[in-house]
Structures are given as C-alpha cells and as structure tokens.
N, C-alpha and C. Protein backbone atom coordinates (compact mmCIF):
# COMPACT_ATOMS: atom_id res chain seq x y z
N MET A 1 76.87 80.29 114.24
CA MET A 1 77.83 80.79 115.19
C MET A 1 77.32 81.98 115.99
N PRO A 2 76.53 82.85 115.42
CA PRO A 2 76.06 83.99 116.20
C PRO A 2 75.39 83.61 117.53
N PRO A 3 74.52 82.57 117.57
CA PRO A 3 73.90 82.24 118.86
C PRO A 3 74.92 81.82 119.93
N ILE A 4 76.00 81.18 119.51
CA ILE A 4 77.05 80.80 120.46
C ILE A 4 77.62 82.04 121.13
N LEU A 5 77.68 83.13 120.38
CA LEU A 5 78.24 84.38 120.88
C LEU A 5 77.17 85.30 121.46
N GLY A 6 75.93 84.79 121.55
CA GLY A 6 74.84 85.58 122.12
C GLY A 6 74.31 86.65 121.19
N CYS A 7 74.43 86.42 119.88
CA CYS A 7 74.01 87.41 118.89
C CYS A 7 72.96 86.81 117.96
N GLN A 8 72.20 87.69 117.30
CA GLN A 8 71.16 87.25 116.38
C GLN A 8 71.69 87.02 114.97
N SER A 9 72.75 87.69 114.57
CA SER A 9 73.27 87.58 113.21
C SER A 9 74.79 87.71 113.24
N PHE A 10 75.40 87.32 112.13
CA PHE A 10 76.85 87.47 112.05
C PHE A 10 77.24 88.94 112.03
N GLU A 11 76.42 89.76 111.40
CA GLU A 11 76.68 91.20 111.39
C GLU A 11 76.71 91.75 112.81
N GLN A 12 75.75 91.33 113.65
CA GLN A 12 75.71 91.77 115.04
C GLN A 12 76.93 91.25 115.80
N ALA A 13 77.29 90.00 115.57
CA ALA A 13 78.45 89.43 116.25
C ALA A 13 79.73 90.19 115.87
N ALA A 14 79.85 90.53 114.60
CA ALA A 14 81.05 91.24 114.14
C ALA A 14 81.14 92.64 114.74
N SER A 15 80.00 93.28 114.94
CA SER A 15 80.04 94.67 115.39
C SER A 15 79.87 94.83 116.90
N SER A 16 79.15 93.93 117.56
CA SER A 16 78.80 94.14 118.96
C SER A 16 79.49 93.22 119.96
N TYR A 17 79.98 92.09 119.51
CA TYR A 17 80.60 91.14 120.44
C TYR A 17 81.89 91.74 121.00
N ASN A 18 82.26 91.35 122.20
CA ASN A 18 83.44 91.88 122.89
C ASN A 18 84.71 91.15 122.42
N TRP A 19 85.13 91.43 121.20
CA TRP A 19 86.34 90.82 120.64
C TRP A 19 87.58 91.53 121.16
N THR A 20 88.71 90.84 121.09
CA THR A 20 89.98 91.55 121.28
C THR A 20 90.16 92.45 120.05
N LYS A 21 91.05 93.39 120.14
CA LYS A 21 91.25 94.33 119.04
C LYS A 21 91.61 93.60 117.74
N THR A 22 92.52 92.65 117.84
CA THR A 22 92.95 91.91 116.65
C THR A 22 91.85 91.01 116.12
N ASP A 23 91.19 90.26 117.01
CA ASP A 23 90.12 89.35 116.56
C ASP A 23 88.97 90.12 115.93
N LYS A 24 88.68 91.31 116.41
CA LYS A 24 87.62 92.11 115.80
C LYS A 24 87.97 92.44 114.35
N LYS A 25 89.23 92.74 114.10
CA LYS A 25 89.66 93.01 112.72
C LYS A 25 89.51 91.76 111.86
N TYR A 26 89.85 90.60 112.42
CA TYR A 26 89.69 89.35 111.68
C TYR A 26 88.23 89.10 111.34
N VAL A 27 87.36 89.26 112.31
CA VAL A 27 85.93 89.00 112.08
C VAL A 27 85.34 90.01 111.10
N GLN A 28 85.80 91.23 111.15
CA GLN A 28 85.34 92.23 110.18
C GLN A 28 85.74 91.80 108.76
N ARG A 29 86.91 91.20 108.60
CA ARG A 29 87.33 90.71 107.29
C ARG A 29 86.43 89.56 106.85
N LEU A 30 86.03 88.69 107.78
CA LEU A 30 85.10 87.62 107.43
C LEU A 30 83.75 88.19 107.02
N LEU A 31 83.32 89.24 107.69
CA LEU A 31 82.05 89.87 107.32
C LEU A 31 82.14 90.42 105.90
N GLU A 32 83.28 90.99 105.53
CA GLU A 32 83.47 91.49 104.17
C GLU A 32 83.40 90.36 103.15
N PHE A 33 83.75 89.15 103.55
CA PHE A 33 83.74 87.99 102.66
C PHE A 33 82.34 87.39 102.50
N LYS A 34 81.38 87.85 103.25
CA LYS A 34 80.05 87.24 103.25
C LYS A 34 79.41 87.20 101.86
N VAL A 35 79.64 88.19 101.06
CA VAL A 35 79.07 88.21 99.70
C VAL A 35 79.58 87.02 98.90
N GLN A 36 80.89 86.77 98.95
CA GLN A 36 81.44 85.64 98.23
C GLN A 36 80.93 84.32 98.80
N ALA A 37 80.81 84.23 100.11
CA ALA A 37 80.30 83.00 100.73
C ALA A 37 78.87 82.74 100.30
N ASP A 38 78.04 83.76 100.28
CA ASP A 38 76.66 83.60 99.80
C ASP A 38 76.64 83.17 98.34
N ASP A 39 77.53 83.74 97.54
CA ASP A 39 77.61 83.38 96.13
C ASP A 39 77.93 81.90 95.97
N VAL A 40 78.90 81.40 96.71
CA VAL A 40 79.28 79.99 96.62
C VAL A 40 78.11 79.10 97.01
N MET A 41 77.39 79.46 98.05
CA MET A 41 76.25 78.64 98.50
C MET A 41 75.13 78.63 97.46
N HIS A 42 74.83 79.76 96.88
CA HIS A 42 73.71 79.85 95.95
C HIS A 42 74.06 79.42 94.53
N ARG A 43 75.30 79.52 94.17
CA ARG A 43 75.72 79.14 92.83
C ARG A 43 75.59 77.64 92.61
N GLN A 44 75.54 76.85 93.67
CA GLN A 44 75.41 75.41 93.54
C GLN A 44 74.13 75.01 92.80
N ILE A 45 73.11 75.84 92.85
CA ILE A 45 71.86 75.50 92.19
C ILE A 45 71.86 75.91 90.73
N ARG A 46 72.88 76.58 90.27
CA ARG A 46 72.98 77.00 88.87
C ARG A 46 73.63 75.90 88.05
N THR A 47 73.42 75.93 86.77
CA THR A 47 74.03 74.94 85.89
C THR A 47 75.40 75.36 85.41
N SER A 48 75.72 76.66 85.46
CA SER A 48 77.03 77.13 85.01
C SER A 48 78.08 76.90 86.10
N ARG A 49 79.31 76.85 85.67
CA ARG A 49 80.42 76.61 86.59
C ARG A 49 80.65 77.81 87.51
N GLY A 50 81.03 77.54 88.76
CA GLY A 50 81.30 78.60 89.72
C GLY A 50 82.53 79.42 89.36
N VAL A 51 82.55 80.65 89.82
CA VAL A 51 83.69 81.53 89.54
C VAL A 51 84.55 81.77 90.78
N ILE A 52 84.10 81.32 91.93
CA ILE A 52 84.87 81.47 93.17
C ILE A 52 85.77 80.25 93.33
N THR A 53 87.04 80.48 93.57
CA THR A 53 87.99 79.38 93.77
C THR A 53 88.56 79.46 95.19
N ARG A 54 89.36 78.49 95.54
CA ARG A 54 89.96 78.49 96.88
C ARG A 54 90.88 79.69 97.09
N HIS A 55 91.36 80.27 96.00
CA HIS A 55 92.22 81.45 96.10
C HIS A 55 91.44 82.69 96.53
N ASP A 56 90.12 82.62 96.45
CA ASP A 56 89.27 83.74 96.85
C ASP A 56 88.90 83.69 98.33
N LEU A 57 89.25 82.59 99.00
CA LEU A 57 88.88 82.43 100.40
C LEU A 57 89.67 83.39 101.28
N PRO A 58 89.08 83.79 102.40
CA PRO A 58 89.82 84.66 103.33
C PRO A 58 90.95 83.89 104.00
N ASN A 59 91.86 84.61 104.58
CA ASN A 59 92.97 84.03 105.33
C ASN A 59 92.43 83.08 106.40
N SER A 60 93.00 81.89 106.53
CA SER A 60 92.50 80.92 107.50
C SER A 60 92.64 81.43 108.94
N GLY A 61 93.55 82.35 109.18
CA GLY A 61 93.70 82.91 110.53
C GLY A 61 92.45 83.64 110.99
N TYR A 62 91.74 84.26 110.06
CA TYR A 62 90.49 84.95 110.41
C TYR A 62 89.47 83.95 110.93
N MET A 63 89.33 82.85 110.21
CA MET A 63 88.37 81.82 110.61
C MET A 63 88.81 81.16 111.91
N ASN A 64 90.10 80.92 112.08
CA ASN A 64 90.61 80.31 113.30
C ASN A 64 90.31 81.17 114.53
N ALA A 65 90.40 82.48 114.39
CA ALA A 65 90.09 83.38 115.51
C ALA A 65 88.62 83.26 115.89
N LEU A 66 87.74 83.20 114.90
CA LEU A 66 86.31 83.04 115.17
C LEU A 66 86.03 81.69 115.82
N LEU A 67 86.60 80.63 115.28
CA LEU A 67 86.38 79.30 115.84
C LEU A 67 86.92 79.18 117.26
N ARG A 68 88.09 79.78 117.51
CA ARG A 68 88.67 79.74 118.86
C ARG A 68 87.74 80.39 119.87
N GLU A 69 87.14 81.51 119.51
CA GLU A 69 86.22 82.20 120.42
C GLU A 69 84.98 81.35 120.68
N CYS A 70 84.46 80.74 119.63
CA CYS A 70 83.27 79.87 119.80
C CYS A 70 83.59 78.67 120.69
N ILE A 71 84.74 78.06 120.48
CA ILE A 71 85.15 76.92 121.34
C ILE A 71 85.28 77.36 122.78
N ASP A 72 85.91 78.51 123.01
CA ASP A 72 86.05 79.03 124.38
C ASP A 72 84.69 79.25 125.03
N ARG A 73 83.74 79.75 124.27
CA ARG A 73 82.40 80.00 124.82
C ARG A 73 81.66 78.71 125.15
N LEU A 74 81.93 77.64 124.40
CA LEU A 74 81.23 76.38 124.61
C LEU A 74 81.83 75.54 125.74
N GLN A 75 83.02 75.88 126.17
CA GLN A 75 83.66 75.08 127.23
C GLN A 75 83.18 75.47 128.58
C-alpha cells in the first residue's frame, strides 16, 4: 500500500501522507497494530498454536479508511 500513496514504507505513509485529521488517527492505530500483524505472519512457521485471535484485530473502520484512500488514488 505505501507505493500507492507515494511512500516507501507504512511508517512513512502513516506519518507523512496528507491524511484527513480523522483518517490520520485511524492509520496511526493501524501502525500501532503492526507488531501483532507481524506476529501473525511469522507465527505461521512455528509448530505451536497462535495466540492472536480475531478479537485482537483493529477496528475495521481503520482499515476501511486506508483502503478508501488507496482506491481513490488508483482511480
């Protein structure tokens, strides 16, 4: 997603992209979730059961704001 927004990383997109005030707060919350997202991706290679559940996911509104901006940029 960062290249769609003209950024090199998600961290750069969260801090430097010209978000609306509300969307910037949403994206900052997604950035805070990055540790859990990395854990879910890397835990797949382990033999033990994962500890992250769907209840640990961020609010879907945060993701929807990010996706809406990406769709707008691609149109």
